[in-house]
N, C-alpha and C. Protein backbone atom coordinates (compact mmCIF):
# COMPACT_ATOMS: atom_id res chain seq x y z
N MET A 1 86.79 73.55 103.69
CA MET A 1 87.30 73.95 102.24
C MET A 1 86.24 75.36 102.29
N LYS A 2 84.68 75.04 102.15
CA LYS A 2 84.45 76.39 102.32
C LYS A 2 84.06 77.45 102.47
N ARG A 3 85.27 77.73 103.87
CA ARG A 3 85.46 78.42 104.36
C ARG A 3 86.82 78.99 104.30
N ARG A 4 87.61 78.28 103.75
CA ARG A 4 88.62 78.63 103.29
C ARG A 4 88.85 79.95 102.41
N LEU A 5 87.59 79.13 101.15
CA LEU A 5 87.09 80.29 100.05
C LEU A 5 86.54 81.28 100.28
N ILE A 6 86.14 81.14 101.10
CA ILE A 6 85.33 82.36 101.42
C ILE A 6 86.56 83.34 102.37
N GLY A 7 87.49 83.02 102.40
CA GLY A 7 88.54 83.81 103.08
C GLY A 7 89.38 84.85 102.25
N LEU A 8 88.94 83.62 100.88
CA LEU A 8 89.73 84.08 99.92
C LEU A 8 89.69 84.55 98.79
N VAL A 9 88.26 85.18 98.65
CA VAL A 9 86.96 85.42 98.11
C VAL A 9 86.96 87.34 98.56
N SER A 10 87.29 88.51 96.80
CA SER A 10 87.52 89.84 97.75
C SER A 10 86.32 89.89 97.81
N ALA A 11 87.08 91.45 98.53
CA ALA A 11 85.16 92.72 99.04
C ALA A 11 84.39 92.50 98.94
N LEU A 12 84.44 92.57 97.11
CA LEU A 12 83.02 92.27 96.65
C LEU A 12 81.74 90.76 96.29
N THR A 13 82.10 89.68 97.85
CA THR A 13 81.38 88.90 97.67
C THR A 13 81.47 88.95 98.80
N ILE A 14 80.18 88.26 99.08
CA ILE A 14 79.75 87.65 100.46
C ILE A 14 78.70 86.16 100.05
N ALA A 15 79.12 85.98 101.25
CA ALA A 15 78.03 84.28 101.57
C ALA A 15 76.89 84.22 101.78
N VAL A 16 75.72 83.37 101.16
CA VAL A 16 74.69 83.69 101.43
C VAL A 16 73.70 82.38 101.10
N GLY A 17 73.50 81.69 103.03
CA GLY A 17 73.42 80.24 102.23
C GLY A 17 74.08 79.20 102.11
N GLY A 18 75.55 79.85 101.53
CA GLY A 18 76.48 78.60 101.33
C GLY A 18 76.68 79.08 99.39
N SER A 19 76.62 79.55 99.55
CA SER A 19 76.97 80.18 98.45
C SER A 19 77.45 81.80 98.48
N LEU A 20 78.49 81.83 97.58
CA LEU A 20 78.77 83.26 96.96
C LEU A 20 77.78 83.74 95.46
N VAL A 21 77.48 85.09 96.47
CA VAL A 21 76.55 85.68 96.05
C VAL A 21 77.70 87.79 96.11
N ALA A 22 77.22 88.24 94.44
CA ALA A 22 78.24 89.56 94.60
C ALA A 22 77.46 91.13 95.50
N ALA A 23 78.50 91.41 96.14
CA ALA A 23 77.79 92.52 96.52
C ALA A 23 77.56 94.19 95.91
N ALA A 24 76.62 94.74 96.12
CA ALA A 24 77.16 96.21 95.68
C ALA A 24 78.10 96.97 96.16
N PRO A 25 78.46 97.69 95.60
CA PRO A 25 80.27 98.01 96.44
C PRO A 25 79.64 99.47 96.81
N ALA A 26 80.57 99.48 97.62
CA ALA A 26 80.76 100.97 98.89
C ALA A 26 80.68 101.47 99.01
N GLN A 27 79.77 103.01 98.68
CA GLN A 27 79.91 104.34 98.26
C GLN A 27 80.88 104.80 98.93
N ALA A 28 82.01 105.82 98.03
CA ALA A 28 83.42 106.23 98.25
C ALA A 28 83.52 107.22 98.78
N ALA A 29 84.26 107.10 100.68
CA ALA A 29 83.92 108.52 101.13
C ALA A 29 84.04 109.64 100.25
N PRO A 30 83.58 110.77 101.13
CA PRO A 30 84.15 112.13 100.70
C PRO A 30 85.26 112.27 100.51
N ALA A 31 85.85 113.58 99.19
CA ALA A 31 87.24 113.44 100.03
C ALA A 31 87.47 114.30 101.43
N VAL A 32 86.21 115.31 101.32
CA VAL A 32 86.46 116.46 103.16
C VAL A 32 85.53 116.11 103.24
N MET A 33 85.79 115.78 104.61
CA MET A 33 84.25 115.08 105.56
C MET A 33 83.65 116.04 106.49
N ILE A 34 82.84 116.31 107.16
CA ILE A 34 82.62 116.81 108.39
C ILE A 34 82.98 115.58 109.20
N THR A 35 84.15 115.77 110.44
CA THR A 35 84.15 115.00 110.99
C THR A 35 83.97 115.49 112.51
N LYS A 36 83.24 116.61 113.16
CA LYS A 36 83.48 116.53 114.43
C LYS A 36 82.63 118.41 114.31
N VAL A 37 81.77 117.81 115.56
CA VAL A 37 80.43 119.40 115.23
C VAL A 37 80.72 119.98 116.58
N TYR A 38 80.83 120.81 116.89
CA TYR A 38 81.09 121.42 118.98
C TYR A 38 79.72 122.40 118.28
N TYR A 39 78.69 121.37 119.12
CA TYR A 39 76.92 122.58 118.72
C TYR A 39 77.33 122.64 119.95
N ASP A 40 77.77 123.12 121.62
CA ASP A 40 77.41 123.56 122.26
C ASP A 40 78.48 123.78 123.13
N SER A 41 79.19 124.74 123.45
CA SER A 41 80.60 125.28 124.18
C SER A 41 80.27 125.22 124.97
N PRO A 42 80.59 125.29 126.47
CA PRO A 42 81.17 124.81 127.23
C PRO A 42 80.62 125.80 128.22
N GLY A 43 79.90 125.86 128.92
CA GLY A 43 79.45 126.91 129.45
C GLY A 43 78.29 127.02 129.67
N SER A 44 77.59 128.81 130.18
CA SER A 44 76.25 129.64 129.47
C SER A 44 75.63 129.78 127.92
N ASP A 45 75.40 129.70 127.49
CA ASP A 45 75.76 130.50 126.00
C ASP A 45 74.70 132.17 126.24
N LYS A 46 76.47 132.86 126.11
CA LYS A 46 76.42 133.94 125.96
C LYS A 46 76.43 135.12 125.31
N GLY A 47 76.66 134.52 124.45
CA GLY A 47 77.35 135.53 123.77
C GLY A 47 78.45 135.24 123.06
N SER A 48 79.73 135.05 124.23
CA SER A 48 80.66 136.06 124.74
C SER A 48 81.53 135.71 123.04
N ASN A 49 82.56 135.88 122.46
CA ASN A 49 82.87 135.78 121.52
C ASN A 49 84.07 133.93 122.17
N SER A 50 85.16 134.44 122.95
CA SER A 50 85.50 133.07 123.84
C SER A 50 84.67 132.57 123.38
N SER A 51 82.96 132.38 123.90
CA SER A 51 82.13 131.46 124.07
C SER A 51 81.91 131.19 122.57
N LEU A 52 81.61 131.87 121.34
CA LEU A 52 81.14 131.51 120.48
C LEU A 52 81.97 130.07 119.14
N ASN A 53 84.17 130.89 119.79
CA ASN A 53 85.00 130.28 119.26
C ASN A 53 84.83 129.15 119.83
N ALA A 54 84.50 128.23 120.42
CA ALA A 54 84.06 127.45 121.04
C ALA A 54 83.27 126.37 120.89
N GLU A 55 82.37 127.32 119.90
CA GLU A 55 81.50 126.23 118.90
C GLU A 55 82.12 126.35 117.67
N TYR A 56 82.03 125.42 117.12
CA TYR A 56 83.25 124.89 115.05
C TYR A 56 82.56 123.56 115.04
N VAL A 57 82.80 123.82 113.62
CA VAL A 57 83.15 123.00 113.10
C VAL A 57 84.41 121.99 112.41
N ARG A 58 84.49 120.39 112.31
CA ARG A 58 86.09 120.99 111.77
C ARG A 58 85.62 120.03 110.64
N LEU A 59 86.15 119.93 109.62
CA LEU A 59 86.33 119.63 108.52
C LEU A 59 87.96 118.45 108.01
N THR A 60 87.72 117.17 107.47
CA THR A 60 89.57 117.31 107.22
C THR A 60 89.45 116.25 105.61
N ASN A 61 90.18 116.72 105.50
CA ASN A 61 90.24 115.97 103.46
C ASN A 61 91.06 114.65 104.06
N LYS A 62 90.13 113.68 103.64
CA LYS A 62 90.24 112.49 103.64
C LYS A 62 90.76 111.33 102.53
N ARG A 63 91.47 112.81 101.27
CA ARG A 63 92.81 112.36 100.46
C ARG A 63 94.31 112.53 100.41
N SER A 64 94.35 111.69 99.49
CA SER A 64 95.97 111.60 99.66
C SER A 64 96.44 113.05 98.34
N THR A 65 95.69 113.95 99.01
CA THR A 65 96.66 114.98 98.07
C THR A 65 95.62 115.99 98.39
N VAL A 66 96.53 117.90 98.17
CA VAL A 66 95.53 119.04 98.16
C VAL A 66 94.57 118.84 97.44
N ILE A 67 94.00 119.75 98.91
CA ILE A 67 92.50 120.29 97.71
C ILE A 67 91.93 122.05 98.60
N ASN A 68 91.68 122.32 96.97
CA ASN A 68 91.40 123.52 97.14
C ASN A 68 89.56 123.85 97.16
N LEU A 69 89.38 124.65 98.61
CA LEU A 69 88.39 124.91 98.63
C LEU A 69 87.75 125.94 98.51
N LYS A 70 88.40 126.22 97.72
CA LYS A 70 87.69 127.65 96.76
C LYS A 70 86.08 128.00 96.33
N GLY A 71 85.00 127.91 96.98
CA GLY A 71 83.95 129.00 96.58
C GLY A 71 82.66 127.01 98.05
N TRP A 72 83.38 126.15 98.01
CA TRP A 72 82.80 125.30 99.03
C TRP A 72 81.93 126.02 100.18
N TYR A 73 80.80 125.85 100.58
CA TYR A 73 81.07 126.41 102.26
C TYR A 73 79.78 125.01 103.02
N VAL A 74 80.16 125.88 103.95
CA VAL A 74 79.35 125.33 105.62
C VAL A 74 77.69 124.98 105.99
N ARG A 75 77.13 125.06 106.01
CA ARG A 75 75.41 125.35 106.48
C ARG A 75 74.86 125.07 107.37
N ASP A 76 73.94 125.58 108.28
CA ASP A 76 73.07 124.60 108.95
C ASP A 76 71.31 124.36 108.27
N LYS A 77 71.19 124.12 109.34
CA LYS A 77 69.22 123.38 109.06
C LYS A 77 69.08 125.59 108.52
N ALA A 78 69.30 126.38 109.28
CA ALA A 78 68.62 127.22 109.34
C ALA A 78 68.90 128.27 108.15
N GLY A 79 70.05 128.08 107.59
CA GLY A 79 71.15 128.67 105.94
C GLY A 79 72.15 128.96 106.82
N TYR A 80 72.44 129.91 107.77
CA TYR A 80 73.07 129.49 107.98
C TYR A 80 74.30 129.46 107.73
N THR A 81 75.51 129.97 106.33
CA THR A 81 76.64 129.80 105.57
C THR A 81 77.58 130.49 105.87
N TYR A 82 79.09 128.92 105.72
CA TYR A 82 80.37 130.17 105.88
C TYR A 82 80.83 129.53 104.75
N LYS A 83 81.45 130.65 104.16
CA LYS A 83 81.90 129.99 102.81
C LYS A 83 83.70 130.46 102.46
N PHE A 84 84.50 129.56 101.44
CA PHE A 84 85.15 129.59 101.12
C PHE A 84 85.02 130.75 100.15
N THR A 85 86.13 131.67 100.33
CA THR A 85 85.59 133.25 99.00
C THR A 85 86.30 133.18 98.25
N SER A 86 87.55 132.32 98.29
CA SER A 86 88.91 132.36 98.04
C SER A 86 89.84 132.14 98.27
N ASP A 87 90.93 130.68 97.64
CA ASP A 87 91.52 129.96 97.60
C ASP A 87 92.53 129.66 98.90
N TYR A 88 91.78 128.00 99.39
CA TYR A 88 91.79 128.18 100.46
C TYR A 88 92.33 125.76 100.44
N ARG A 89 93.76 126.32 100.78
CA ARG A 89 93.73 124.30 99.55
C ARG A 89 94.71 123.52 101.49
N VAL A 90 93.91 122.91 101.49
CA VAL A 90 93.54 121.42 103.04
C VAL A 90 94.46 120.95 102.24
N GLY A 91 96.14 119.99 102.75
CA GLY A 91 97.03 119.38 103.15
C GLY A 91 96.05 117.98 102.70
N ALA A 92 96.53 116.74 102.63
CA ALA A 92 96.30 115.78 102.91
C ALA A 92 96.35 115.41 103.98
N GLY A 93 95.20 114.67 104.39
CA GLY A 93 95.21 114.13 106.47
C GLY A 93 94.85 115.01 106.94
N THR A 94 94.61 116.93 106.49
CA THR A 94 94.62 117.34 107.21
C THR A 94 92.69 118.08 107.96
N SER A 95 93.31 118.51 109.29
CA SER A 95 91.87 118.46 109.68
C SER A 95 91.49 120.31 109.62
N ILE A 96 90.73 121.29 109.12
CA ILE A 96 90.57 122.63 109.90
C ILE A 96 89.24 122.80 110.81
N ILE A 97 89.22 123.47 111.58
CA ILE A 97 88.38 124.04 112.49
C ILE A 97 87.93 125.29 111.64
N ILE A 98 86.57 125.16 111.60
CA ILE A 98 85.79 126.84 110.99
C ILE A 98 84.56 126.74 112.52
N HIS A 99 85.37 128.08 113.54
CA HIS A 99 85.00 128.61 115.01
C HIS A 99 83.14 129.67 114.40
N THR A 100 82.30 129.65 115.38
CA THR A 100 81.49 130.14 114.72
C THR A 100 81.65 132.05 115.20
N GLY A 101 82.25 131.88 116.30
CA GLY A 101 82.77 133.85 116.29
C GLY A 101 83.79 134.17 115.24
N LYS A 102 84.49 135.38 115.96
CA LYS A 102 85.33 136.61 115.51
C LYS A 102 87.16 136.34 115.58
N GLY A 103 88.13 136.43 114.71
CA GLY A 103 88.58 135.59 115.18
C GLY A 103 90.12 135.97 114.00
N THR A 104 90.52 135.81 114.05
CA THR A 104 91.63 136.37 112.80
C THR A 104 91.86 135.07 111.94
N ASN A 105 91.62 134.25 110.59
CA ASN A 105 91.92 133.51 109.64
C ASN A 105 93.69 132.95 109.80
N ARG A 106 93.98 132.24 110.43
CA ARG A 106 95.66 131.56 110.12
C ARG A 106 95.35 130.18 110.28
N GLY A 107 96.03 129.68 109.15
CA GLY A 107 96.30 127.87 109.00
C GLY A 107 95.49 127.45 108.73
N THR A 108 95.19 126.38 109.82
CA THR A 108 93.97 125.02 110.10
C THR A 108 92.36 126.14 110.67
N GLN A 109 92.71 127.41 111.08
CA GLN A 109 92.15 127.97 111.68
C GLN A 109 91.15 128.68 111.63
N ARG A 110 89.51 128.53 111.26
CA ARG A 110 88.93 129.80 109.88
C ARG A 110 88.72 130.32 111.40
N TYR A 111 87.14 131.32 110.83
CA TYR A 111 86.39 132.26 111.48
C TYR A 111 85.14 132.07 111.32
N TRP A 112 84.07 132.38 111.38
CA TRP A 112 83.18 132.71 110.83
C TRP A 112 83.11 134.06 110.76
N GLY A 113 83.11 135.07 112.26
CA GLY A 113 82.40 135.72 112.21
C GLY A 113 81.53 135.98 112.86
N ARG A 114 80.87 135.66 113.08
CA ARG A 114 79.34 135.58 113.80
C ARG A 114 79.21 136.55 115.51
N SER A 115 78.12 136.86 115.21
CA SER A 115 78.16 136.84 116.94
C SER A 115 76.64 136.62 117.78
N TRP A 116 76.76 135.28 117.30
CA TRP A 116 75.85 134.48 117.79
C TRP A 116 75.74 133.60 117.41
N TYR A 117 75.16 132.17 118.36
CA TYR A 117 75.94 130.66 117.58
C TYR A 117 74.73 130.02 116.14
N VAL A 118 75.54 129.39 115.76
CA VAL A 118 74.86 128.95 115.12
C VAL A 118 74.22 127.70 114.78
N TRP A 119 74.56 126.59 115.42
CA TRP A 119 74.91 125.53 115.53
C TRP A 119 73.82 124.51 116.86
N ASN A 120 72.71 124.23 116.79
CA ASN A 120 71.36 124.19 117.65
C ASN A 120 71.80 123.20 118.52
N ASN A 121 71.77 122.65 119.49
CA ASN A 121 72.01 122.19 120.82
C ASN A 121 71.24 121.60 120.42
N THR A 122 70.03 121.42 120.54
CA THR A 122 69.01 119.98 120.69
C THR A 122 68.56 119.43 119.70
N GLY A 123 69.62 119.87 118.56
CA GLY A 123 69.22 119.26 117.12
C GLY A 123 69.65 120.20 115.85
N ASP A 124 70.37 119.66 114.83
CA ASP A 124 70.94 120.44 113.75
C ASP A 124 70.74 119.38 112.77
N THR A 125 71.41 120.00 111.41
CA THR A 125 72.19 119.17 110.62
C THR A 125 73.05 120.29 109.87
N ALA A 126 74.80 119.78 109.48
CA ALA A 126 76.07 120.56 109.13
C ALA A 126 76.35 120.24 108.17
N TYR A 127 75.74 120.97 106.79
CA TYR A 127 76.10 120.56 105.49
C TYR A 127 77.04 120.99 104.63
N LEU A 128 78.12 120.06 104.47
CA LEU A 128 78.98 120.54 103.54
C LEU A 128 78.47 120.95 101.78
N ARG A 129 78.65 121.94 100.59
CA ARG A 129 78.99 121.63 99.74
C ARG A 129 79.98 122.00 98.82
N ASN A 130 80.46 121.36 98.14
CA ASN A 130 81.51 121.88 97.25
C ASN A 130 80.91 123.73 96.20
N SER A 131 81.56 123.61 95.58
CA SER A 131 81.68 124.74 94.89
C SER A 131 80.50 125.20 93.60
N SER A 132 80.06 123.73 93.40
CA SER A 132 78.99 123.32 92.40
C SER A 132 78.39 123.66 92.99
N GLY A 133 78.00 123.46 93.95
CA GLY A 133 76.58 123.30 95.03
C GLY A 133 76.49 122.03 95.48
N SER A 134 77.20 120.62 95.38
CA SER A 134 76.75 119.61 95.88
C SER A 134 77.25 119.06 96.64
N LEU A 135 75.82 118.14 96.80
CA LEU A 135 76.49 117.76 98.67
C LEU A 135 77.54 116.89 98.81
N VAL A 136 78.43 117.61 99.54
CA VAL A 136 79.85 116.18 99.97
C VAL A 136 79.34 115.42 100.93
N ASP A 137 79.10 116.79 101.73
CA ASP A 137 78.93 115.43 103.44
C ASP A 137 78.47 116.11 104.29
N SER A 138 77.41 115.46 105.06
CA SER A 138 76.27 115.94 106.15
C SER A 138 76.50 115.01 107.51
N CYS A 139 76.28 116.03 108.20
CA CYS A 139 76.20 115.63 109.83
C CYS A 139 75.14 116.31 110.73
N THR A 140 74.02 115.01 111.45
CA THR A 140 73.17 115.65 112.13
C THR A 140 73.45 114.90 113.51
N TRP A 141 72.17 115.78 114.42
CA TRP A 141 73.04 115.35 115.98
C TRP A 141 71.11 115.90 116.20
N ARG A 142 70.82 115.08 116.95
CA ARG A 142 69.12 114.72 117.36
C ARG A 142 69.25 115.47 119.14
N SER A 143 70.12 115.43 120.37
CA SER A 143 70.44 116.29 120.92
C SER A 143 71.37 116.49 121.97
N ARG A 144 70.81 116.81 122.20
CA ARG A 144 72.31 117.69 123.71
C ARG A 144 73.13 117.36 123.95
N GLY A 145 72.86 115.76 124.29
CA GLY A 145 73.73 114.73 124.78
C GLY A 145 75.68 115.83 125.76
N SER A 146 76.36 115.60 124.82
CA SER A 146 77.32 116.28 125.08
C SER A 146 78.31 117.33 124.85
N GLY A 147 77.30 117.75 124.21
CA GLY A 147 78.24 119.22 123.47
C GLY A 147 79.11 119.17 122.42
N TYR A 148 79.40 117.37 121.63
CA TYR A 148 79.40 117.98 119.82
C TYR A 148 78.75 116.83 119.88
N THR A 149 79.41 116.20 118.55
CA THR A 149 79.43 115.12 118.14
C THR A 149 80.15 114.69 116.82
N TYR A 150 80.52 113.80 116.94
CA TYR A 150 81.44 113.12 115.51
C TYR A 150 81.19 112.47 114.60
N CYS A 151 80.90 112.90 113.32
CA CYS A 151 81.01 111.97 112.15
C CYS A 151 80.86 111.17 111.71
């Protein structure tokens, strides 16, 4: 009977030593999350624009509604910052890519416009902040590994 009862209890309770105890509510996932950082573009880091654009951060709207990123920004530990300076709406479930190098912003492809790399291959942190400066999400990696990390 205990086993059946535990299976029927809501997600906010857990079994501890045969007794049911209320669990702390899970923290809600951010509306927009950093879902991938490609911090070490393929090949040697010589600073070509194609190499810079192979370094990127991917943001994903995790909500079922459109989110306007105007005023939001992405930055690294050193303070290099990409800011959405005008209205930029991200559709429900849609991902956008922010490339480090230069290019023409179209659709879900954005360009930082830098002439050198942002993300450190040996470890760094990507921060996503909203228009009021509150931390929305972050992603940290510590070693070179495969050149990218899923967050």
